[in-house]
Amino acid sequence: MNKSELIEAIAKEAGLTKTDAGKALDAFTGVVKTALKDGDTITLVGFGTFKVAERAERKGLNPKTKQPITIPAARVPKFTASKVLRDVLVTK
């Protein structure tokens, strides 16, 4: 599902216009980006948690030259699905 298909599904589910659903989706992603940039955690009960994980500096190899390189430390986004969401995906 791409962004336009997601907007269409949100509009249908919530009874909104596609324009309003698009604005809502853009607002949601903007708030998530801002919160994560500030180091906050976002928890949506029944869906999951967005947070920032710290990735330590590590050694690696340049695949082209096979020379050792240092991969710098980084802050990366992480999503952890809730038990409710995981249970929806379990096939019985």
PDB file of N, CA and C in Angstrom:
ATOM      1  N   MET A   1       0.858  -1.169   0.000  1.00  0.00           N
ATOM      2  CA  MET A   1       0.000   0.000   0.000  1.00  0.00           C
ATOM      3  C   MET A   1       0.903   1.231   0.000  1.00  0.00           C
ATOM      4  N   ASN A   2       0.671   2.133  -0.938  1.00  0.00           N
ATOM      5  CA  ASN A   2       1.443   3.371  -0.962  1.00  0.00           C
ATOM      6  C   ASN A   2       0.656   4.493  -0.282  1.00  0.00           C
ATOM      7  N   LYS A   3       1.230   5.690  -0.259  1.00  0.00           N
ATOM      8  CA  LYS A   3       0.621   6.794   0.483  1.00  0.00           C
ATOM      9  C   LYS A   3      -0.762   7.150  -0.049  1.00  0.00           C
ATOM     10  N   SER A   4      -0.931   7.210  -1.366  1.00  0.00           N
ATOM     11  CA  SER A   4      -2.240   7.583  -1.913  1.00  0.00           C
ATOM     12  C   SER A   4      -3.292   6.522  -1.611  1.00  0.00           C
ATOM     13  N   GLU A   5      -2.891   5.246  -1.618  1.00  0.00           N
ATOM     14  CA  GLU A   5      -3.834   4.180  -1.261  1.00  0.00           C
ATOM     15  C   GLU A   5      -4.185   4.252   0.224  1.00  0.00           C
ATOM     16  N   LEU A   6      -3.219   4.592   1.058  1.00  0.00           N
ATOM     17  CA  LEU A   6      -3.473   4.744   2.490  1.00  0.00           C
ATOM     18  C   LEU A   6      -4.430   5.906   2.740  1.00  0.00           C
ATOM     19  N   ILE A   7      -4.223   7.018   2.051  1.00  0.00           N
ATOM     20  CA  ILE A   7      -5.116   8.172   2.195  1.00  0.00           C
ATOM     21  C   ILE A   7      -6.530   7.799   1.786  1.00  0.00           C
ATOM     22  N   GLU A   8      -6.661   7.070   0.691  1.00  0.00           N
ATOM     23  CA  GLU A   8      -7.987   6.643   0.224  1.00  0.00           C
ATOM     24  C   GLU A   8      -8.663   5.735   1.251  1.00  0.00           C
ATOM     25  N   ALA A   9      -7.899   4.811   1.848  1.00  0.00           N
ATOM     26  CA  ALA A   9      -8.447   3.902   2.858  1.00  0.00           C
ATOM     27  C   ALA A   9      -8.858   4.659   4.116  1.00  0.00           C
ATOM     28  N   ILE A  10      -8.044   5.625   4.535  1.00  0.00           N
ATOM     29  CA  ILE A  10      -8.384   6.434   5.710  1.00  0.00           C
ATOM     30  C   ILE A  10      -9.649   7.235   5.444  1.00  0.00           C
ATOM     31  N   ALA A  11      -9.740   7.840   4.274  1.00  0.00           N
ATOM     32  CA  ALA A  11     -10.918   8.630   3.917  1.00  0.00           C
ATOM     33  C   ALA A  11     -12.179   7.778   3.959  1.00  0.00           C
ATOM     34  N   LYS A  12     -12.098   6.576   3.403  1.00  0.00           N
ATOM     35  CA  LYS A  12     -13.258   5.676   3.379  1.00  0.00           C
ATOM     36  C   LYS A  12     -13.632   5.236   4.787  1.00  0.00           C
ATOM     37  N   GLU A  13     -12.631   4.844   5.585  1.00  0.00           N
ATOM     38  CA  GLU A  13     -12.883   4.335   6.947  1.00  0.00           C
ATOM     39  C   GLU A  13     -13.448   5.413   7.869  1.00  0.00           C
ATOM     40  N   ALA A  14     -12.936   6.639   7.745  1.00  0.00           N
ATOM     41  CA  ALA A  14     -13.333   7.718   8.658  1.00  0.00           C
ATOM     42  C   ALA A  14     -14.438   8.601   8.094  1.00  0.00           C
ATOM     43  N   GLY A  15     -14.852   8.367   6.858  1.00  0.00           N
ATOM     44  CA  GLY A  15     -15.891   9.197   6.265  1.00  0.00           C
ATOM     45  C   GLY A  15     -15.409  10.612   5.977  1.00  0.00           C
ATOM     46  N   LEU A  16     -14.153  10.735   5.573  1.00  0.00           N
ATOM     47  CA  LEU A  16     -13.560  12.036   5.266  1.00  0.00           C
ATOM     48  C   LEU A  16     -13.336  12.165   3.766  1.00  0.00           C
ATOM     49  N   THR A  17     -13.061  13.380   3.341  1.00  0.00           N
ATOM     50  CA  THR A  17     -12.633  13.558   1.959  1.00  0.00           C
ATOM     51  C   THR A  17     -11.172  13.122   1.868  1.00  0.00           C
ATOM     52  N   LYS A  18     -10.729  12.836   0.649  1.00  0.00           N
ATOM     53  CA  LYS A  18      -9.329  12.449   0.474  1.00  0.00           C
ATOM     54  C   LYS A  18      -8.397  13.589   0.871  1.00  0.00           C
ATOM     55  N   THR A  19      -8.822  14.822   0.631  1.00  0.00           N
ATOM     56  CA  THR A  19      -8.012  15.985   1.011  1.00  0.00           C
ATOM     57  C   THR A  19      -7.833  16.045   2.523  1.00  0.00           C
ATOM     58  N   ASP A  20      -8.933  15.885   3.250  1.00  0.00           N
ATOM     59  CA  ASP A  20      -8.858  15.922   4.715  1.00  0.00           C
ATOM     60  C   ASP A  20      -8.053  14.742   5.259  1.00  0.00           C
ATOM     61  N   ALA A  21      -8.223  13.565   4.670  1.00  0.00           N
ATOM     62  CA  ALA A  21      -7.465  12.397   5.105  1.00  0.00           C
ATOM     63  C   ALA A  21      -5.975  12.605   4.837  1.00  0.00           C
ATOM     64  N   GLY A  22      -5.646  13.213   3.710  1.00  0.00           N
ATOM     65  CA  GLY A  22      -4.250  13.513   3.390  1.00  0.00           C
ATOM     66  C   GLY A  22      -3.646  14.484   4.376  1.00  0.00           C
ATOM     67  N   LYS A  23      -4.414  15.514   4.735  1.00  0.00           N
ATOM     68  CA  LYS A  23      -3.931  16.486   5.719  1.00  0.00           C
ATOM     69  C   LYS A  23      -3.716  15.816   7.075  1.00  0.00           C
ATOM     70  N   ALA A  24      -4.642  14.931   7.454  1.00  0.00           N
ATOM     71  CA  ALA A  24      -4.525  14.231   8.736  1.00  0.00           C
ATOM     72  C   ALA A  24      -3.287  13.326   8.746  1.00  0.00           C
ATOM     73  N   LEU A  25      -3.059  12.608   7.651  1.00  0.00           N
ATOM     74  CA  LEU A  25      -1.888  11.733   7.574  1.00  0.00           C
ATOM     75  C   LEU A  25      -0.599  12.543   7.604  1.00  0.00           C
ATOM     76  N   ASP A  26      -0.557  13.653   6.865  1.00  0.00           N
ATOM     77  CA  ASP A  26       0.632  14.512   6.872  1.00  0.00           C
ATOM     78  C   ASP A  26       0.876  15.102   8.258  1.00  0.00           C
ATOM     79  N   ALA A  27      -0.207  15.479   8.952  1.00  0.00           N
ATOM     80  CA  ALA A  27      -0.069  16.014  10.307  1.00  0.00           C
ATOM     81  C   ALA A  27       0.475  14.941  11.248  1.00  0.00           C
ATOM     82  N   PHE A  28      -0.041  13.721  11.129  1.00  0.00           N
ATOM     83  CA  PHE A  28       0.418  12.620  11.977  1.00  0.00           C
ATOM     84  C   PHE A  28       1.906  12.357  11.768  1.00  0.00           C
ATOM     85  N   THR A  29       2.321  12.225  10.519  1.00  0.00           N
ATOM     86  CA  THR A  29       3.735  11.939  10.259  1.00  0.00           C
ATOM     87  C   THR A  29       4.620  13.101  10.700  1.00  0.00           C
ATOM     88  N   GLY A  30       4.135  14.329  10.557  1.00  0.00           N
ATOM     89  CA  GLY A  30       4.903  15.488  11.009  1.00  0.00           C
ATOM     90  C   GLY A  30       5.088  15.498  12.511  1.00  0.00           C
ATOM     91  N   VAL A  31       4.028  15.182  13.236  1.00  0.00           N
ATOM     92  CA  VAL A  31       4.108  15.141  14.701  1.00  0.00           C
ATOM     93  C   VAL A  31       5.043  14.023  15.154  1.00  0.00           C
ATOM     94  N   VAL A  32       4.979  12.872  14.507  1.00  0.00           N
ATOM     95  CA  VAL A  32       5.860  11.760  14.867  1.00  0.00           C
ATOM     96  C   VAL A  32       7.315  12.154  14.631  1.00  0.00           C
ATOM     97  N   LYS A  33       7.622  12.749  13.482  1.00  0.00           N
ATOM     98  CA  LYS A  33       8.993  13.172  13.177  1.00  0.00           C
ATOM     99  C   LYS A  33       9.504  14.169  14.208  1.00  0.00           C
ATOM    100  N   THR A  34       8.681  15.160  14.541  1.00  0.00           N
ATOM    101  CA  THR A  34       9.084  16.181  15.504  1.00  0.00           C
ATOM    102  C   THR A  34       9.315  15.579  16.882  1.00  0.00           C
ATOM    103  N   ALA A  35       8.405  14.720  17.316  1.00  0.00           N
ATOM    104  CA  ALA A  35       8.539  14.099  18.636  1.00  0.00           C
ATOM    105  C   ALA A  35       9.797  13.236  18.708  1.00  0.00           C
ATOM    106  N   LEU A  36      10.049  12.439  17.671  1.00  0.00           N
ATOM    107  CA  LEU A  36      11.236  11.588  17.684  1.00  0.00           C
ATOM    108  C   LEU A  36      12.510  12.424  17.631  1.00  0.00           C
ATOM    109  N   LYS A  37      12.497  13.507  16.872  1.00  0.00           N
ATOM    110  CA  LYS A  37      13.661  14.388  16.803  1.00  0.00           C
ATOM    111  C   LYS A  37      13.977  14.966  18.178  1.00  0.00           C
ATOM    112  N   ASP A  38      12.921  15.252  18.958  1.00  0.00           N
ATOM    113  CA  ASP A  38      13.087  15.792  20.306  1.00  0.00           C
ATOM    114  C   ASP A  38      13.398  14.704  21.343  1.00  0.00           C
ATOM    115  N   GLY A  39      13.446  13.450  20.904  1.00  0.00           N
ATOM    116  CA  GLY A  39      13.767  12.350  21.813  1.00  0.00           C
ATOM    117  C   GLY A  39      12.581  11.776  22.555  1.00  0.00           C
ATOM    118  N   ASP A  40      11.375  12.181  22.178  1.00  0.00           N
ATOM    119  CA  ASP A  40      10.168  11.677  22.836  1.00  0.00           C
ATOM    120  C   ASP A  40       9.796  10.292  22.313  1.00  0.00           C
ATOM    121  N   THR A  41       8.960   9.605  23.064  1.00  0.00           N
ATOM    122  CA  THR A  41       8.396   8.317  22.678  1.00  0.00           C
ATOM    123  C   THR A  41       6.909   8.513  22.454  1.00  0.00           C
ATOM    124  N   ILE A  42       6.375   7.890  21.407  1.00  0.00           N
ATOM    125  CA  ILE A  42       4.942   7.973  21.120  1.00  0.00           C
ATOM    126  C   ILE A  42       4.355   6.583  21.266  1.00  0.00           C
ATOM    127  N   THR A  43       3.391   6.445  22.168  1.00  0.00           N
ATOM    128  CA  THR A  43       2.740   5.161  22.394  1.00  0.00           C
ATOM    129  C   THR A  43       1.279   5.261  21.987  1.00  0.00           C
ATOM    130  N   LEU A  44       0.877   4.412  21.055  1.00  0.00           N
ATOM    131  CA  LEU A  44      -0.515   4.321  20.629  1.00  0.00           C
ATOM    132  C   LEU A  44      -1.039   2.978  21.124  1.00  0.00           C
ATOM    133  N   VAL A  45      -1.842   3.010  22.181  1.00  0.00           N
ATOM    134  CA  VAL A  45      -2.341   1.792  22.801  1.00  0.00           C
ATOM    135  C   VAL A  45      -3.104   0.977  21.755  1.00  0.00           C
ATOM    136  N   GLY A  46      -2.783  -0.298  21.667  1.00  0.00           N
ATOM    137  CA  GLY A  46      -3.420  -1.179  20.700  1.00  0.00           C
ATOM    138  C   GLY A  46      -2.754  -1.170  19.334  1.00  0.00           C
ATOM    139  N   PHE A  47      -1.743  -0.312  19.141  1.00  0.00           N
ATOM    140  CA  PHE A  47      -1.045  -0.251  17.856  1.00  0.00           C
ATOM    141  C   PHE A  47       0.451  -0.477  18.024  1.00  0.00           C
ATOM    142  N   GLY A  48       1.114   0.391  18.790  1.00  0.00           N
ATOM    143  CA  GLY A  48       2.542   0.216  18.993  1.00  0.00           C
ATOM    144  C   GLY A  48       3.217   1.461  19.529  1.00  0.00           C
ATOM    145  N   THR A  49       4.546   1.416  19.580  1.00  0.00           N
ATOM    146  CA  THR A  49       5.334   2.498  20.135  1.00  0.00           C
ATOM    147  C   THR A  49       6.426   2.904  19.155  1.00  0.00           C
ATOM    148  N   PHE A  50       6.519   4.216  18.923  1.00  0.00           N
ATOM    149  CA  PHE A  50       7.602   4.793  18.134  1.00  0.00           C
ATOM    150  C   PHE A  50       8.603   5.375  19.117  1.00  0.00           C
ATOM    151  N   LYS A  51       9.888   5.074  18.925  1.00  0.00           N
ATOM    152  CA  LYS A  51      10.908   5.639  19.799  1.00  0.00           C
ATOM    153  C   LYS A  51      12.220   5.768  19.031  1.00  0.00           C
ATOM    154  N   VAL A  52      13.193   6.393  19.663  1.00  0.00           N
ATOM    155  CA  VAL A  52      14.509   6.573  19.069  1.00  0.00           C
ATOM    156  C   VAL A  52      15.467   5.591  19.739  1.00  0.00           C
ATOM    157  N   ALA A  53      16.214   4.856  18.920  1.00  0.00           N
ATOM    158  CA  ALA A  53      17.220   3.933  19.436  1.00  0.00           C
ATOM    159  C   ALA A  53      18.603   4.496  19.109  1.00  0.00           C
ATOM    160  N   GLU A  54      19.533   4.268  20.003  1.00  0.00           N
ATOM    161  CA  GLU A  54      20.910   4.693  19.796  1.00  0.00           C
ATOM    162  C   GLU A  54      21.689   3.523  19.207  1.00  0.00           C
ATOM    163  N   ARG A  55      22.338   3.754  18.086  1.00  0.00           N
ATOM    164  CA  ARG A  55      23.177   2.727  17.468  1.00  0.00           C
ATOM    165  C   ARG A  55      24.632   3.137  17.677  1.00  0.00           C
ATOM    166  N   ALA A  56      25.408   2.282  18.315  1.00  0.00           N
ATOM    167  CA  ALA A  56      26.805   2.593  18.643  1.00  0.00           C
ATOM    168  C   ALA A  56      27.686   2.575  17.391  1.00  0.00           C
ATOM    169  N   GLU A  57      28.812   3.270  17.501  1.00  0.00           N
ATOM    170  CA  GLU A  57      29.808   3.227  16.429  1.00  0.00           C
ATOM    171  C   GLU A  57      30.314   1.794  16.294  1.00  0.00           C
ATOM    172  N   ARG A  58      30.563   1.368  15.058  1.00  0.00           N
ATOM    173  CA  ARG A  58      31.026   0.002  14.856  1.00  0.00           C
ATOM    174  C   ARG A  58      31.940  -0.082  13.640  1.00  0.00           C
ATOM    175  N   LYS A  59      32.651  -1.174  13.549  1.00  0.00           N
ATOM    176  CA  LYS A  59      33.564  -1.411  12.427  1.00  0.00           C
ATOM    177  C   LYS A  59      32.812  -2.148  11.324  1.00  0.00           C
ATOM    178  N   GLY A  60      33.174  -1.865  10.088  1.00  0.00           N
ATOM    179  CA  GLY A  60      32.570  -2.529   8.944  1.00  0.00           C
ATOM    180  C   GLY A  60      33.578  -2.637   7.826  1.00  0.00           C
ATOM    181  N   LEU A  61      33.138  -3.203   6.699  1.00  0.00           N
ATOM    182  CA  LEU A  61      33.988  -3.330   5.530  1.00  0.00           C
ATOM    183  C   LEU A  61      33.322  -2.641   4.347  1.00  0.00           C
ATOM    184  N   ASN A  62      34.118  -1.893   3.591  1.00  0.00           N
ATOM    185  CA  ASN A  62      33.635  -1.335   2.350  1.00  0.00           C
ATOM    186  C   ASN A  62      33.489  -2.503   1.375  1.00  0.00           C
ATOM    187  N   PRO A  63      32.275  -2.809   0.895  1.00  0.00           N
ATOM    188  CA  PRO A  63      32.096  -3.993   0.055  1.00  0.00           C
ATOM    189  C   PRO A  63      32.834  -3.914  -1.280  1.00  0.00           C
ATOM    190  N   LYS A  64      33.097  -2.702  -1.742  1.00  0.00           N
ATOM    191  CA  LYS A  64      33.779  -2.536  -3.024  1.00  0.00           C
ATOM    192  C   LYS A  64      35.288  -2.752  -2.893  1.00  0.00           C
ATOM    193  N   THR A  65      35.883  -2.144  -1.860  1.00  0.00           N
ATOM    194  CA  THR A  65      37.343  -2.193  -1.716  1.00  0.00           C
ATOM    195  C   THR A  65      37.816  -3.193  -0.664  1.00  0.00           C
ATOM    196  N   LYS A  66      36.902  -3.702   0.134  1.00  0.00           N
ATOM    197  CA  LYS A  66      37.206  -4.621   1.239  1.00  0.00           C
ATOM    198  C   LYS A  66      38.070  -3.976   2.319  1.00  0.00           C
ATOM    199  N   GLN A  67      38.147  -2.652   2.316  1.00  0.00           N
ATOM    200  CA  GLN A  67      38.913  -1.927   3.323  1.00  0.00           C
ATOM    201  C   GLN A  67      38.053  -1.732   4.571  1.00  0.00           C
ATOM    202  N   PRO A  68      38.663  -1.815   5.764  1.00  0.00           N
ATOM    203  CA  PRO A  68      37.892  -1.567   6.982  1.00  0.00           C
ATOM    204  C   PRO A  68      37.479  -0.098   7.072  1.00  0.00           C
ATOM    205  N   ILE A  69      36.268   0.121   7.550  1.00  0.00           N
ATOM    206  CA  ILE A  69      35.756   1.476   7.748  1.00  0.00           C
ATOM    207  C   ILE A  69      35.102   1.541   9.123  1.00  0.00           C
ATOM    208  N   THR A  70      34.942   2.757   9.616  1.00  0.00           N
ATOM    209  CA  THR A  70      34.222   2.968  10.868  1.00  0.00           C
ATOM    210  C   THR A  70      32.847   3.525  10.526  1.00  0.00           C
ATOM    211  N   ILE A  71      31.813   2.822  10.970  1.00  0.00           N
ATOM    212  CA  ILE A  71      30.437   3.269  10.775  1.00  0.00           C
ATOM    213  C   ILE A  71      30.089   4.111  12.000  1.00  0.00           C
ATOM    214  N   PRO A  72      29.746   5.391  11.802  1.00  0.00           N
ATOM    215  CA  PRO A  72      29.526   6.267  12.956  1.00  0.00           C
ATOM    216  C   PRO A  72      28.273   5.901  13.759  1.00  0.00           C
ATOM    217  N   ALA A  73      28.260   6.334  15.005  1.00  0.00           N
ATOM    218  CA  ALA A  73      27.091   6.162  15.856  1.00  0.00           C
ATOM    219  C   ALA A  73      25.930   6.940  15.244  1.00  0.00           C
ATOM    220  N   ALA A  74      24.711   6.467  15.501  1.00  0.00           N
ATOM    221  CA  ALA A  74      23.540   7.126  14.922  1.00  0.00           C
ATOM    222  C   ALA A  74      22.329   6.944  15.814  1.00  0.00           C
ATOM    223  N   ARG A  75      21.407   7.876  15.680  1.00  0.00           N
ATOM    224  CA  ARG A  75      20.083   7.760  16.304  1.00  0.00           C
ATOM    225  C   ARG A  75      19.135   7.310  15.203  1.00  0.00           C
ATOM    226  N   VAL A  76      18.408   6.205  15.436  1.00  0.00           N
ATOM    227  CA  VAL A  76      17.531   5.662  14.406  1.00  0.00           C
ATOM    228  C   VAL A  76      16.120   5.473  14.964  1.00  0.00           C
ATOM    229  N   PRO A  77      15.097   5.637  14.109  1.00  0.00           N
ATOM    230  CA  PRO A  77      13.730   5.407  14.575  1.00  0.00           C
ATOM    231  C   PRO A  77      13.471   3.915  14.739  1.00  0.00           C
ATOM    232  N   LYS A  78      12.641   3.584  15.723  1.00  0.00           N
ATOM    233  CA  LYS A  78      12.305   2.191  15.985  1.00  0.00           C
ATOM    234  C   LYS A  78      10.818   2.106  16.282  1.00  0.00           C
ATOM    235  N   PHE A  79      10.161   1.099  15.731  1.00  0.00           N
ATOM    236  CA  PHE A  79       8.744   0.868  16.002  1.00  0.00           C
ATOM    237  C   PHE A  79       8.597  -0.511  16.607  1.00  0.00           C
ATOM    238  N   THR A  80       7.872  -0.589  17.714  1.00  0.00           N
ATOM    239  CA  THR A  80       7.576  -1.861  18.363  1.00  0.00           C
ATOM    240  C   THR A  80       6.064  -2.053  18.341  1.00  0.00           C
ATOM    241  N   ALA A  81       5.616  -3.118  17.687  1.00  0.00           N
ATOM    242  CA  ALA A  81       4.177  -3.390  17.588  1.00  0.00           C
ATOM    243  C   ALA A  81       3.625  -3.840  18.936  1.00  0.00           C
ATOM    244  N   SER A  82       2.381  -3.445  19.220  1.00  0.00           N
ATOM    245  CA  SER A  82       1.724  -3.863  20.464  1.00  0.00           C
ATOM    246  C   SER A  82       1.289  -5.317  20.340  1.00  0.00           C
ATOM    247  N   LYS A  83       0.963  -5.910  21.458  1.00  0.00           N
ATOM    248  CA  LYS A  83       0.486  -7.289  21.457  1.00  0.00           C
ATOM    249  C   LYS A  83      -0.794  -7.407  20.649  1.00  0.00           C
ATOM    250  N   VAL A  84      -1.666  -6.419  20.735  1.00  0.00           N
ATOM    251  CA  VAL A  84      -2.923  -6.441  19.979  1.00  0.00           C
ATOM    252  C   VAL A  84      -2.636  -6.505  18.480  1.00  0.00           C
ATOM    253  N   LEU A  85      -1.706  -5.685  18.001  1.00  0.00           N
ATOM    254  CA  LEU A  85      -1.360  -5.689  16.578  1.00  0.00           C
ATOM    255  C   LEU A  85      -0.697  -7.001  16.180  1.00  0.00           C
ATOM    256  N   ARG A  86       0.189  -7.504  17.019  1.00  0.00           N
ATOM    257  CA  ARG A  86       0.846  -8.786  16.709  1.00  0.00           C
ATOM    258  C   ARG A  86      -0.173  -9.916  16.642  1.00  0.00           C
ATOM    259  N   ASP A  87      -1.153  -9.885  17.544  1.00  0.00           N
ATOM    260  CA  ASP A  87      -2.175 -10.944  17.563  1.00  0.00           C
ATOM    261  C   ASP A  87      -3.042 -10.915  16.302  1.00  0.00           C
ATOM    262  N   VAL A  88      -3.247  -9.724  15.728  1.00  0.00           N
ATOM    263  CA  VAL A  88      -4.026  -9.621  14.484  1.00  0.00           C
ATOM    264  C   VAL A  88      -3.308 -10.340  13.347  1.00  0.00           C
ATOM    265  N   LEU A  89      -1.981 -10.335  13.383  1.00  0.00           N
ATOM    266  CA  LEU A  89      -1.192 -10.906  12.298  1.00  0.00           C
ATOM    267  C   LEU A  89      -0.952 -12.402  12.434  1.00  0.00           C
ATOM    268  N   VAL A  90      -1.275 -12.960  13.581  1.00  0.00           N
ATOM    269  CA  VAL A  90      -1.060 -14.386  13.804  1.00  0.00           C
ATOM    270  C   VAL A  90      -2.127 -15.179  13.060  1.00  0.00           C
ATOM    271  N   THR A  91      -1.683 -16.142  12.287  1.00  0.00           N
ATOM    272  CA  THR A  91      -2.634 -17.013  11.591  1.00  0.00           C
ATOM    273  C   THR A  91      -2.852 -18.255  12.426  1.00  0.00           C
ATOM    274  N   LYS A  92      -4.082 -18.664  12.509  1.00  0.00           N
ATOM    275  CA  LYS A  92      -4.406 -19.847  13.323  1.00  0.00           C
ATOM    276  C   LYS A  92      -4.945 -20.936  12.463  1.00  0.00           C
TER     277      LYS A  92
END
